[in-house]
Amino acid sequence: MKRAYFLSMFLCLLAHSQKARAEIAQIGAATLRRPLGARASAMGQAFAGADGGIDSLGYNPAGLTSAANPVIQTAYTHGIIDDHFSYGAYAHPFAAFTLAAGLLYYDAGTISLNLSNGANGNVKAQQDFAALAAIGFKLIPGLSAGILAKFYRLNLAQTATARGYAMDGGLLWKLAKTGIGLGAAIQNLGPDVKFEQNGDPLPLTLRFGASYRFLGPDDAILSGSPNFLLNLDGVKVRDSETTAGAGVELSLPYSDYGSAALRLGSAFNSPSDSATIGFGIKESRFIFDYAVGVKRAVNNMHHFSLGFKF
């Protein structure tokens, strides 16, 4: 009862302004907007126009169609306030489509409650779970579509719980023989987030992206020629200003079965990372990616991903 009293007072204070009420939903549903892998995180989260396979899940599900082999991916993010985000997914390509499923978990750590009546205690600030299911399929040569369903359970201060679902949809068009890709996605379509009787809208997001991939000659692995990828994204989140992101990836094969990649990115007009950097290593069937987001005024955020191709 004491914890419920605290949360009720907290929500009542925020409810006095429309902007603050929107922030409740943004806080509660922030897990649905978190980057799912280190590769895209290192490229300024600009990935809507890329054919990234399982790495496209958090940006444009149409990019799933580029998965050439079954792959499992796990990811971990250490946040700026000692919070933790974990994620795992599996993608399996078939002749006509690609299916993917995943789970994610967010833990914001422990907070101490000191109420005016003298009561105090430690509780989990926030714990979120979500299950993901996605399909990507080709409509016509060069044009792909994808749908992602998210089923979530959000908990604030071990007192208020919200359950619901959200949907993503996207298109990806790869222009033949040019290396250019164009993508668009809408994310977090669904009913309001309801911790109490009143609901607040999900962070509806629109993404538009373009990519350019320059490939070396057909014998790039033997000749050591680099592969270059440039991504540009524009993002509009409900009740927020439009932001932009850009990222580059330079990949160099070092053997018949391995390659190393260097990635750089930047977010513009965004309260998140001002700059990102990372690297990736592919060795036979194993994939490791790392990214760090350089924050403007606080600690950096570290992302790790580990994958295995079957």
Protein backbone atom coordinates (compact mmCIF):
# COMPACT_ATOMS: atom_id res chain seq x y z
CA MET A 1 0.00 0.00 0.00
CA LYS A 2 2.83 2.42 0.79
CA ARG A 3 4.43 1.82 -2.59
CA ALA A 4 1.10 2.19 -4.34
CA TYR A 5 0.55 5.49 -2.50
CA PHE A 6 3.94 6.77 -3.66
CA LEU A 7 3.33 5.86 -7.29
CA SER A 8 -0.18 7.34 -7.24
CA MET A 9 1.17 10.65 -5.95
CA PHE A 10 3.93 10.58 -8.56
CA LEU A 11 1.50 10.02 -11.42
CA CYS A 12 -0.92 12.67 -10.13
CA LEU A 13 1.82 15.30 -10.07
CA LEU A 14 2.82 14.49 -13.64
CA ALA A 15 -0.76 14.47 -14.86
CA HIS A 16 -1.09 18.26 -14.36
CA SER A 17 0.54 18.93 -17.73
CA GLN A 18 -0.03 17.34 -21.11
CA LYS A 19 3.70 17.24 -21.79
CA ALA A 20 4.37 15.42 -18.53
CA ARG A 21 1.65 12.88 -19.27
CA ALA A 22 3.32 12.16 -22.59
CA GLU A 23 6.58 11.63 -20.71
CA ILE A 24 4.95 8.87 -18.64
CA ALA A 25 4.27 6.92 -21.81
CA GLN A 26 7.73 7.70 -23.17
CA ILE A 27 9.30 6.38 -19.95
CA GLY A 28 7.11 3.29 -19.82
CA ALA A 29 7.45 2.38 -23.49
CA ALA A 30 11.08 3.41 -23.94
CA THR A 31 12.06 -0.26 -24.14
CA LEU A 32 10.16 -0.56 -27.43
CA ARG A 33 12.47 2.07 -28.98
CA ARG A 34 15.81 0.73 -27.80
CA PRO A 35 18.40 -0.33 -30.40
CA LEU A 36 18.49 -4.10 -30.64
CA GLY A 37 22.02 -4.68 -31.94
CA ALA A 38 25.47 -3.13 -31.78
CA ARG A 39 25.98 -2.89 -35.56
CA ALA A 40 23.22 -0.33 -36.17
CA SER A 41 24.02 1.42 -32.87
CA ALA A 42 27.55 2.12 -34.12
CA MET A 43 26.11 3.72 -37.28
CA GLY A 44 24.06 6.41 -35.55
CA GLN A 45 21.01 4.11 -35.56
CA ALA A 46 20.60 4.90 -39.26
CA PHE A 47 19.39 1.59 -40.67
CA ALA A 48 15.93 1.99 -42.26
CA GLY A 49 17.33 1.82 -45.79
CA ALA A 50 19.78 -1.04 -45.19
CA ASP A 51 19.29 -4.70 -46.05
CA GLY A 52 20.65 -5.76 -42.68
CA GLY A 53 18.99 -9.12 -42.08
CA ILE A 54 18.46 -9.71 -38.36
CA ASP A 55 20.12 -6.34 -37.63
CA SER A 56 17.14 -4.62 -39.32
CA LEU A 57 14.59 -5.82 -36.72
CA GLY A 58 14.63 -2.61 -34.69
CA TYR A 59 14.51 -0.29 -37.70
CA ASN A 60 12.76 -1.79 -40.72
CA PRO A 61 11.51 -5.41 -40.67
CA ALA A 62 11.60 -5.48 -44.49
CA GLY A 63 15.39 -5.78 -44.19
CA LEU A 64 14.93 -9.32 -42.83
CA THR A 65 14.72 -10.63 -46.39
CA SER A 66 18.47 -10.26 -46.85
CA ALA A 67 19.21 -12.99 -44.28
CA ALA A 68 20.96 -15.69 -46.31
CA ASN A 69 21.31 -18.25 -43.50
CA PRO A 70 19.58 -19.04 -40.21
CA VAL A 71 21.16 -16.85 -37.56
CA ILE A 72 20.86 -16.35 -33.81
CA GLN A 73 21.82 -13.03 -32.22
CA THR A 74 22.19 -11.92 -28.61
CA ALA A 75 22.87 -8.39 -27.44
CA TYR A 76 23.62 -6.56 -24.21
CA THR A 77 23.68 -2.83 -23.45
CA HIS A 78 25.12 -1.21 -20.34
CA GLY A 79 23.36 2.12 -19.87
CA ILE A 80 24.41 5.50 -18.55
CA ILE A 81 22.75 4.99 -15.13
CA ASP A 82 23.87 1.37 -14.58
CA ASP A 83 20.72 0.09 -16.24
CA HIS A 84 20.84 -3.05 -18.38
CA PHE A 85 19.18 -4.16 -21.60
CA SER A 86 19.34 -7.72 -22.96
CA TYR A 87 18.01 -9.10 -26.21
CA GLY A 88 18.02 -12.34 -28.17
CA ALA A 89 16.53 -13.25 -31.54
CA TYR A 90 16.53 -15.95 -34.20
CA ALA A 91 15.90 -15.46 -37.93
CA HIS A 92 15.27 -18.23 -40.44
CA PRO A 93 15.06 -17.61 -44.20
CA PHE A 94 12.75 -19.66 -46.40
CA ALA A 95 12.29 -19.59 -50.16
CA ALA A 96 9.51 -16.98 -50.14
CA PHE A 97 9.95 -15.21 -46.78
CA THR A 98 12.03 -14.88 -43.62
CA LEU A 99 10.69 -15.44 -40.10
CA ALA A 100 12.18 -14.07 -36.88
CA ALA A 101 11.36 -14.26 -33.18
CA GLY A 102 12.96 -12.70 -30.14
CA LEU A 103 12.81 -11.69 -26.50
CA LEU A 104 14.04 -8.55 -24.74
CA TYR A 105 14.42 -7.51 -21.12
CA TYR A 106 15.20 -4.16 -19.52
CA ASP A 107 16.18 -3.54 -15.88
CA ALA A 108 16.57 0.06 -14.71
CA GLY A 109 18.13 -0.94 -11.40
CA THR A 110 17.04 -0.26 -7.84
CA ILE A 111 15.78 3.00 -6.37
CA SER A 112 15.16 4.05 -2.77
CA LEU A 113 11.75 5.45 -1.86
CA ASN A 114 11.58 7.99 0.96
CA LEU A 115 7.99 9.05 1.52
CA SER A 116 6.76 12.04 3.49
CA ASN A 117 5.16 9.70 6.05
CA GLY A 118 8.58 8.30 6.96
CA ALA A 119 8.30 5.04 5.06
CA ASN A 120 11.25 3.97 2.94
CA GLY A 121 12.45 0.98 0.97
CA ASN A 122 14.22 -0.23 -2.16
CA VAL A 123 12.31 -1.28 -5.26
CA LYS A 124 13.10 -2.03 -8.89
CA ALA A 125 12.71 1.26 -10.75
CA GLN A 126 11.58 -0.39 -13.96
CA GLN A 127 11.44 -3.91 -15.38
CA ASP A 128 10.23 -4.52 -18.92
CA PHE A 129 9.73 -7.68 -20.96
CA ALA A 130 8.74 -8.04 -24.60
CA ALA A 131 8.34 -10.87 -27.11
CA LEU A 132 8.90 -10.20 -30.80
CA ALA A 133 7.64 -11.98 -33.92
CA ALA A 134 8.41 -10.81 -37.45
CA ILE A 135 8.12 -11.74 -41.10
CA GLY A 136 9.88 -10.27 -44.12
CA PHE A 137 8.93 -11.12 -47.69
CA LYS A 138 9.63 -10.01 -51.24
CA LEU A 139 6.77 -8.36 -53.12
CA ILE A 140 8.50 -8.01 -56.49
CA PRO A 141 12.17 -8.14 -57.50
CA GLY A 142 13.94 -5.43 -55.54
CA LEU A 143 10.97 -4.55 -53.28
CA SER A 144 10.50 -6.15 -49.85
CA ALA A 145 8.04 -5.69 -47.01
CA GLY A 146 8.09 -6.65 -43.36
CA ILE A 147 5.87 -6.76 -40.28
CA LEU A 148 6.97 -6.94 -36.63
CA ALA A 149 4.68 -7.62 -33.66
CA LYS A 150 5.72 -6.75 -30.10
CA PHE A 151 3.94 -8.04 -27.01
CA TYR A 152 5.11 -6.21 -23.90
CA ARG A 153 4.81 -6.15 -20.12
CA LEU A 154 6.07 -2.97 -18.40
CA ASN A 155 6.47 -2.52 -14.65
CA LEU A 156 7.23 0.72 -12.79
CA ALA A 157 8.47 0.68 -9.19
CA GLN A 158 7.05 -2.84 -8.66
CA THR A 159 3.67 -1.17 -8.31
CA ALA A 160 2.12 -0.34 -11.67
CA THR A 161 2.02 -2.75 -14.61
CA ALA A 162 1.03 -2.23 -18.22
CA ARG A 163 0.50 -4.94 -20.84
CA GLY A 164 -0.16 -4.53 -24.52
CA TYR A 165 1.11 -4.87 -28.03
CA ALA A 166 2.63 -2.74 -30.77
CA MET A 167 3.17 -3.27 -34.49
CA ASP A 168 5.89 -2.20 -36.94
CA GLY A 169 5.70 -2.27 -40.71
CA GLY A 170 8.18 -1.36 -43.40
CA LEU A 171 9.16 -1.35 -47.06
CA LEU A 172 12.63 -1.64 -48.59
CA TRP A 173 13.45 -0.98 -52.23
CA LYS A 174 16.86 -1.96 -53.58
CA LEU A 175 17.67 -0.36 -56.92
CA ALA A 176 19.25 -2.97 -59.16
CA LYS A 177 22.95 -2.58 -60.01
CA THR A 178 23.26 0.76 -58.21
CA GLY A 179 23.98 -0.25 -54.60
CA ILE A 180 21.22 2.15 -53.49
CA GLY A 181 18.51 1.17 -51.02
CA LEU A 182 15.48 3.20 -49.94
CA GLY A 183 13.41 2.29 -46.89
CA ALA A 184 10.46 3.51 -44.87
CA ALA A 185 8.97 2.15 -41.66
CA ILE A 186 6.28 2.97 -39.14
CA GLN A 187 6.87 1.72 -35.61
CA ASN A 188 4.86 1.26 -32.42
CA LEU A 189 1.35 1.27 -33.80
CA GLY A 190 -1.02 0.11 -31.09
CA PRO A 191 -3.35 0.99 -28.23
CA ASP A 192 -2.39 3.34 -25.40
CA VAL A 193 -0.05 2.33 -22.59
CA LYS A 194 -2.17 2.05 -19.42
CA PHE A 195 -0.49 1.93 -16.03
CA GLU A 196 -3.55 3.35 -14.33
CA GLN A 197 -7.07 3.92 -15.66
CA ASN A 198 -5.96 6.61 -18.09
CA GLY A 199 -3.87 5.69 -21.11
CA ASP A 200 -1.01 7.44 -22.85
CA PRO A 201 -0.03 6.89 -26.49
CA LEU A 202 2.82 4.70 -27.62
CA PRO A 203 5.88 6.46 -29.06
CA LEU A 204 4.70 6.22 -32.66
CA THR A 205 7.75 6.54 -34.91
CA LEU A 206 8.24 7.21 -38.62
CA ARG A 207 11.56 6.30 -40.24
CA PHE A 208 12.82 7.10 -43.71
CA GLY A 209 16.22 5.90 -44.82
CA ALA A 210 18.61 5.64 -47.73
CA SER A 211 21.72 3.52 -48.08
CA TYR A 212 24.53 3.18 -50.56
CA ARG A 213 26.66 0.06 -50.71
CA PHE A 214 29.86 -0.01 -52.72
CA LEU A 215 31.13 -3.54 -53.26
CA GLY A 216 34.56 -4.45 -54.46
CA PRO A 217 35.08 -6.82 -57.37
CA ASP A 218 33.60 -10.31 -57.33
CA ASP A 219 36.85 -11.66 -55.90
CA ALA A 220 36.87 -9.09 -53.08
CA ILE A 221 37.71 -11.71 -50.46
CA LEU A 222 40.75 -12.88 -52.39
CA SER A 223 41.94 -9.43 -53.40
CA GLY A 224 41.33 -7.80 -50.03
CA SER A 225 39.13 -5.06 -51.49
CA PRO A 226 37.02 -3.20 -48.89
CA ASN A 227 33.24 -3.06 -48.81
CA PHE A 228 31.69 0.31 -47.99
CA LEU A 229 28.19 1.11 -46.66
CA LEU A 230 26.68 4.56 -46.09
CA ASN A 231 23.33 4.98 -44.29
CA LEU A 232 21.20 8.10 -43.79
CA ASP A 233 17.95 8.21 -41.76
CA GLY A 234 15.29 10.72 -40.81
CA VAL A 235 13.20 9.91 -37.72
CA LYS A 236 10.02 11.46 -36.31
CA VAL A 237 8.76 10.28 -32.91
CA ARG A 238 5.35 11.33 -31.64
CA ASP A 239 5.47 14.66 -29.74
CA SER A 240 9.19 15.06 -30.55
CA GLU A 241 11.22 17.01 -33.07
CA THR A 242 12.45 15.34 -36.24
CA THR A 243 15.95 13.92 -35.90
CA ALA A 244 18.49 12.53 -38.34
CA GLY A 245 21.23 9.96 -38.22
CA ALA A 246 24.13 8.98 -40.43
CA GLY A 247 26.53 6.08 -40.35
CA VAL A 248 29.31 4.48 -42.36
CA GLU A 249 30.75 0.99 -42.33
CA LEU A 250 34.04 -0.07 -43.87
CA SER A 251 34.52 -3.84 -44.01
CA LEU A 252 37.74 -5.54 -45.06
CA PRO A 253 38.01 -9.31 -45.57
CA TYR A 254 41.19 -10.73 -44.05
CA SER A 255 40.69 -14.40 -45.03
CA ASP A 256 38.37 -16.68 -46.96
CA TYR A 257 36.11 -16.91 -43.88
CA GLY A 258 36.71 -13.74 -41.90
CA SER A 259 36.33 -9.98 -42.11
CA ALA A 260 36.66 -6.94 -39.86
CA ALA A 261 34.54 -3.79 -39.97
CA LEU A 262 34.96 -0.27 -38.62
CA ARG A 263 31.81 1.81 -38.07
CA LEU A 264 31.17 5.48 -37.34
CA GLY A 265 27.92 7.35 -36.86
CA SER A 266 26.29 10.52 -35.62
CA ALA A 267 22.85 11.63 -34.46
CA PHE A 268 21.69 15.15 -35.31
CA ASN A 269 19.19 17.21 -33.30
CA SER A 270 18.88 14.28 -30.92
CA PRO A 271 19.08 14.11 -27.10
CA SER A 272 20.73 10.69 -27.40
CA ASP A 273 24.21 9.89 -28.72
CA SER A 274 26.05 12.78 -30.34
CA ALA A 275 28.56 10.39 -31.91
CA THR A 276 28.95 6.63 -32.16
CA ILE A 277 31.82 4.34 -33.01
CA GLY A 278 32.22 0.60 -33.17
CA PHE A 279 33.67 -2.43 -34.87
CA GLY A 280 32.66 -5.90 -35.94
CA ILE A 281 34.41 -9.20 -36.57
CA LYS A 282 33.10 -12.13 -38.59
CA GLU A 283 35.03 -15.37 -38.28
CA SER A 284 33.52 -18.37 -40.03
CA ARG A 285 30.03 -18.67 -38.48
CA PHE A 286 30.62 -16.34 -35.53
CA ILE A 287 29.83 -12.60 -35.47
CA PHE A 288 30.85 -10.10 -32.79
CA ASP A 289 29.89 -6.42 -32.81
CA TYR A 290 30.66 -3.60 -30.38
CA ALA A 291 29.50 0.01 -30.26
CA VAL A 292 29.88 2.92 -27.89
CA GLY A 293 27.63 5.95 -27.86
CA VAL A 294 29.44 9.12 -26.81
CA LYS A 295 27.00 11.15 -24.73
CA ARG A 296 27.13 14.93 -24.59
CA ALA A 297 27.18 15.37 -20.84
CA VAL A 298 26.95 11.96 -19.18
CA ASN A 299 28.61 8.56 -19.23
CA ASN A 300 28.99 6.66 -22.48
CA MET A 301 26.69 3.78 -23.44
CA HIS A 302 28.21 0.44 -24.48
CA HIS A 303 26.53 -2.10 -26.80
CA PHE A 304 27.64 -5.70 -27.42
CA SER A 305 26.25 -8.25 -29.87
CA LEU A 306 27.17 -11.87 -30.50
CA GLY A 307 25.77 -13.89 -33.39
CA PHE A 308 26.06 -17.35 -34.90
CA LYS A 309 25.12 -18.40 -38.44
CA PHE A 310 23.96 -21.97 -39.03
